[in-house]
N, C-alpha and C. Protein backbone atom coordinates (compact mmCIF):
# COMPACT_ATOMS: atom_id res chain seq x y z
N LEU A 1 4.66 6.88 -6.73
CA LEU A 1 3.61 5.88 -6.77
C LEU A 1 4.01 4.65 -7.58
N ASN A 2 5.25 4.68 -8.05
CA ASN A 2 5.83 3.57 -8.77
C ASN A 2 6.50 2.67 -7.70
N PRO A 3 6.91 1.47 -8.10
CA PRO A 3 7.65 0.59 -7.19
C PRO A 3 8.93 1.26 -6.70
N VAL A 4 9.26 1.06 -5.45
CA VAL A 4 10.49 1.64 -4.88
C VAL A 4 11.68 0.92 -5.52
N ASN A 5 12.65 1.71 -5.93
CA ASN A 5 13.88 1.16 -6.50
C ASN A 5 14.82 0.90 -5.32
N PRO A 6 15.08 -0.32 -4.98
CA PRO A 6 15.97 -0.63 -3.81
C PRO A 6 17.35 -0.04 -3.95
N LYS A 7 17.83 0.16 -5.16
CA LYS A 7 19.17 0.74 -5.37
C LYS A 7 19.15 2.24 -4.98
N SER A 8 18.02 2.89 -5.14
CA SER A 8 17.89 4.30 -4.80
C SER A 8 17.52 4.52 -3.37
N VAL A 9 16.97 3.47 -2.72
CA VAL A 9 16.50 3.60 -1.32
C VAL A 9 17.20 2.49 -0.52
N PRO A 10 18.41 2.74 -0.04
CA PRO A 10 19.13 1.74 0.74
C PRO A 10 18.35 1.27 1.93
N GLY A 11 18.39 -0.02 2.19
CA GLY A 11 17.74 -0.58 3.35
C GLY A 11 16.29 -0.94 3.18
N TYR A 12 15.70 -0.54 2.06
CA TYR A 12 14.30 -0.77 1.85
C TYR A 12 13.95 -2.28 1.87
N LYS A 13 14.72 -3.06 1.14
CA LYS A 13 14.45 -4.50 1.06
C LYS A 13 14.61 -5.23 2.39
N LYS A 14 15.44 -4.63 3.26
CA LYS A 14 15.62 -5.27 4.60
C LYS A 14 14.45 -4.98 5.52
N VAL A 15 13.82 -3.84 5.31
CA VAL A 15 12.72 -3.45 6.19
C VAL A 15 11.36 -3.94 5.62
N ILE A 16 11.20 -3.81 4.33
CA ILE A 16 9.90 -4.17 3.70
C ILE A 16 10.03 -5.50 3.00
N ARG A 17 9.32 -6.49 3.54
CA ARG A 17 9.43 -7.88 3.04
C ARG A 17 8.50 -8.13 1.83
N LYS A 18 7.38 -7.38 1.78
CA LYS A 18 6.39 -7.61 0.71
C LYS A 18 6.03 -6.21 0.09
N PRO A 19 6.86 -5.73 -0.86
CA PRO A 19 6.58 -4.40 -1.47
C PRO A 19 5.22 -4.37 -2.22
N MET A 20 4.65 -3.24 -2.21
CA MET A 20 3.43 -2.98 -3.01
C MET A 20 3.36 -1.48 -3.26
N ASP A 21 2.80 -1.09 -4.41
CA ASP A 21 2.70 0.28 -4.79
C ASP A 21 1.45 0.46 -5.69
N PHE A 22 1.07 1.72 -5.86
CA PHE A 22 -0.13 1.98 -6.65
C PHE A 22 -0.01 1.65 -8.13
N TYR A 23 1.25 1.76 -8.67
CA TYR A 23 1.40 1.40 -10.05
C TYR A 23 1.13 -0.13 -10.26
N THR A 24 1.63 -0.93 -9.34
CA THR A 24 1.43 -2.38 -9.42
C THR A 24 -0.05 -2.71 -9.26
N ILE A 25 -0.71 -2.02 -8.39
CA ILE A 25 -2.18 -2.24 -8.22
C ILE A 25 -2.89 -1.84 -9.49
N ARG A 26 -2.53 -0.77 -10.09
CA ARG A 26 -3.15 -0.33 -11.38
C ARG A 26 -2.91 -1.44 -12.47
N GLU A 27 -1.69 -1.89 -12.51
CA GLU A 27 -1.38 -2.93 -13.51
C GLU A 27 -2.20 -4.22 -13.26
N LYS A 28 -2.36 -4.53 -12.03
CA LYS A 28 -3.23 -5.71 -11.73
C LYS A 28 -4.64 -5.52 -12.22
N LEU A 29 -5.15 -4.31 -12.02
CA LEU A 29 -6.52 -3.97 -12.42
C LEU A 29 -6.65 -3.94 -13.93
N VAL A 30 -5.68 -3.33 -14.58
CA VAL A 30 -5.79 -3.12 -16.05
C VAL A 30 -5.48 -4.40 -16.82
N ASN A 31 -4.43 -5.08 -16.47
CA ASN A 31 -3.92 -6.14 -17.28
C ASN A 31 -4.41 -7.58 -16.88
N SER A 32 -4.82 -7.72 -15.69
CA SER A 32 -5.20 -9.05 -15.23
C SER A 32 -6.53 -8.97 -14.53
N GLN A 33 -7.59 -9.18 -15.31
CA GLN A 33 -8.95 -8.99 -14.75
C GLN A 33 -9.28 -10.00 -13.61
N TYR A 34 -8.56 -11.04 -13.48
CA TYR A 34 -8.85 -12.02 -12.43
C TYR A 34 -7.93 -12.00 -11.22
N VAL A 35 -7.00 -10.99 -11.16
CA VAL A 35 -6.08 -10.92 -10.01
C VAL A 35 -6.83 -10.58 -8.73
N TYR A 36 -7.68 -9.63 -8.81
CA TYR A 36 -8.47 -9.28 -7.59
C TYR A 36 -9.81 -10.05 -7.67
N LEU A 37 -9.92 -11.06 -6.87
CA LEU A 37 -11.12 -11.90 -6.88
C LEU A 37 -12.30 -11.22 -6.29
N ASN A 38 -12.01 -10.28 -5.33
CA ASN A 38 -13.09 -9.57 -4.66
C ASN A 38 -12.46 -8.24 -4.09
N LEU A 39 -13.35 -7.42 -3.53
CA LEU A 39 -12.90 -6.14 -2.97
C LEU A 39 -11.90 -6.32 -1.87
N GLU A 40 -12.03 -7.33 -1.10
CA GLU A 40 -11.09 -7.53 0.04
C GLU A 40 -9.68 -7.76 -0.42
N THR A 41 -9.46 -8.50 -1.50
CA THR A 41 -8.10 -8.69 -1.97
C THR A 41 -7.49 -7.39 -2.50
N PHE A 42 -8.30 -6.56 -3.09
CA PHE A 42 -7.86 -5.23 -3.51
C PHE A 42 -7.51 -4.40 -2.32
N ILE A 43 -8.32 -4.40 -1.30
CA ILE A 43 -8.08 -3.63 -0.06
C ILE A 43 -6.82 -4.08 0.64
N ILE A 44 -6.54 -5.35 0.61
CA ILE A 44 -5.28 -5.84 1.19
C ILE A 44 -4.07 -5.19 0.54
N ASP A 45 -4.09 -5.10 -0.81
CA ASP A 45 -2.96 -4.49 -1.52
C ASP A 45 -2.87 -3.00 -1.19
N VAL A 46 -4.00 -2.32 -1.17
CA VAL A 46 -4.01 -0.90 -0.85
C VAL A 46 -3.45 -0.66 0.59
N ASN A 47 -3.93 -1.45 1.52
CA ASN A 47 -3.45 -1.36 2.90
C ASN A 47 -1.98 -1.64 2.97
N LEU A 48 -1.46 -2.59 2.18
CA LEU A 48 -0.08 -2.94 2.14
C LEU A 48 0.83 -1.73 1.72
N VAL A 49 0.32 -0.99 0.78
CA VAL A 49 1.03 0.27 0.39
C VAL A 49 1.19 1.17 1.58
N PHE A 50 0.10 1.41 2.26
CA PHE A 50 0.17 2.31 3.43
C PHE A 50 0.98 1.76 4.56
N ASP A 51 0.82 0.48 4.85
CA ASP A 51 1.53 -0.16 5.94
C ASP A 51 3.03 -0.13 5.69
N ASN A 52 3.45 -0.38 4.46
CA ASN A 52 4.88 -0.35 4.06
C ASN A 52 5.39 1.07 4.24
N CYS A 53 4.66 2.06 3.78
CA CYS A 53 5.07 3.46 3.86
C CYS A 53 5.26 3.85 5.34
N GLU A 54 4.29 3.44 6.14
CA GLU A 54 4.33 3.78 7.54
C GLU A 54 5.52 3.10 8.23
N LYS A 55 5.78 1.86 7.86
CA LYS A 55 6.86 1.11 8.46
C LYS A 55 8.26 1.67 8.08
N PHE A 56 8.38 2.14 6.86
CA PHE A 56 9.69 2.59 6.40
C PHE A 56 9.96 4.06 6.71
N ASN A 57 8.95 4.91 6.75
CA ASN A 57 9.10 6.34 6.93
C ASN A 57 8.62 6.82 8.30
N GLU A 58 9.25 7.79 8.87
CA GLU A 58 8.84 8.35 10.14
C GLU A 58 7.54 9.13 9.95
N ASP A 59 6.68 9.06 10.96
CA ASP A 59 5.41 9.80 10.89
C ASP A 59 5.54 11.31 10.63
N ASN A 60 6.60 11.89 11.18
CA ASN A 60 6.73 13.39 11.00
C ASN A 60 7.53 13.73 9.72
N SER A 61 7.94 12.75 8.95
CA SER A 61 8.60 13.04 7.68
C SER A 61 7.56 13.54 6.66
N ASP A 62 8.04 14.16 5.60
CA ASP A 62 7.12 14.65 4.57
C ASP A 62 6.31 13.49 3.97
N ILE A 63 6.99 12.40 3.65
CA ILE A 63 6.29 11.24 3.11
C ILE A 63 5.32 10.66 4.15
N GLY A 64 5.76 10.55 5.35
CA GLY A 64 4.90 10.03 6.42
C GLY A 64 3.64 10.82 6.59
N LYS A 65 3.80 12.16 6.60
CA LYS A 65 2.58 13.05 6.73
C LYS A 65 1.63 12.84 5.54
N LYS A 66 2.18 12.80 4.36
CA LYS A 66 1.32 12.59 3.19
C LYS A 66 0.60 11.24 3.19
N GLN A 67 1.35 10.23 3.65
CA GLN A 67 0.78 8.89 3.73
C GLN A 67 -0.36 8.87 4.72
N ASN A 68 -0.19 9.51 5.83
CA ASN A 68 -1.23 9.56 6.84
C ASN A 68 -2.49 10.27 6.31
N CYS A 69 -2.28 11.39 5.63
CA CYS A 69 -3.40 12.15 5.05
C CYS A 69 -4.18 11.31 4.03
N LEU A 70 -3.42 10.78 3.08
CA LEU A 70 -4.04 9.98 1.97
C LEU A 70 -4.73 8.77 2.54
N ASN A 71 -4.10 8.08 3.46
CA ASN A 71 -4.73 6.90 4.08
C ASN A 71 -6.03 7.22 4.75
N LYS A 72 -5.99 8.35 5.52
CA LYS A 72 -7.21 8.76 6.24
C LYS A 72 -8.30 9.11 5.23
N ASN A 73 -8.01 9.86 4.19
CA ASN A 73 -8.97 10.23 3.21
C ASN A 73 -9.55 9.03 2.42
N LEU A 74 -8.72 8.13 2.01
CA LEU A 74 -9.18 6.93 1.32
C LEU A 74 -10.06 6.04 2.26
N THR A 75 -9.61 5.92 3.48
CA THR A 75 -10.40 5.15 4.42
C THR A 75 -11.77 5.74 4.60
N GLU A 76 -11.85 7.07 4.76
CA GLU A 76 -13.18 7.73 4.92
C GLU A 76 -14.00 7.65 3.65
N CYS A 77 -13.37 7.82 2.51
CA CYS A 77 -14.11 7.82 1.24
C CYS A 77 -14.61 6.44 0.82
N PHE A 78 -13.81 5.45 1.07
CA PHE A 78 -14.14 4.07 0.57
C PHE A 78 -14.44 3.15 1.72
N PHE A 79 -14.42 3.64 2.95
CA PHE A 79 -14.78 2.79 4.08
C PHE A 79 -13.90 1.54 4.11
N LEU A 80 -12.64 1.71 3.83
CA LEU A 80 -11.70 0.60 3.87
C LEU A 80 -11.54 0.10 5.28
N ASP A 81 -11.83 -1.15 5.48
CA ASP A 81 -11.75 -1.76 6.81
C ASP A 81 -10.44 -2.48 6.92
N LYS A 82 -9.41 -1.85 7.48
CA LYS A 82 -8.08 -2.43 7.57
C LYS A 82 -8.10 -3.71 8.41
N THR A 83 -8.85 -3.71 9.48
CA THR A 83 -8.88 -4.90 10.35
C THR A 83 -9.43 -6.11 9.61
N LYS A 84 -10.50 -5.92 8.96
CA LYS A 84 -11.15 -7.05 8.20
C LYS A 84 -10.26 -7.57 7.08
N ALA A 85 -9.65 -6.65 6.33
CA ALA A 85 -8.79 -7.06 5.25
C ALA A 85 -7.49 -7.76 5.73
N LYS A 86 -6.96 -7.28 6.84
CA LYS A 86 -5.75 -7.84 7.35
C LYS A 86 -5.90 -9.31 7.78
N ARG A 87 -7.09 -9.62 8.21
CA ARG A 87 -7.36 -10.98 8.68
C ARG A 87 -7.18 -11.98 7.49
N LYS A 88 -7.33 -11.50 6.28
CA LYS A 88 -7.29 -12.37 5.11
C LYS A 88 -5.87 -12.65 4.65
N GLN A 89 -4.88 -11.86 5.13
CA GLN A 89 -3.49 -12.00 4.67
C GLN A 89 -2.88 -13.29 5.12
């Protein structure tokens, strides 16, 4: 859930143009009270974590399966509207 270390994951920087992770999101929430101006900007970062994971990992890989499960559960719990948030990017 920390930022991906490009030295440990070859090719990551070539595939993922805009990295995002839950640690960075947490830091934005804790240290910079004005980074997320509204819920939609927060949702954009959360969706970016999942989109990057999906883009870099195969669906049937262990990470891909966990990403799909977590994304589905968060979407259901928090009613995250990926379509609406993506329009703001």
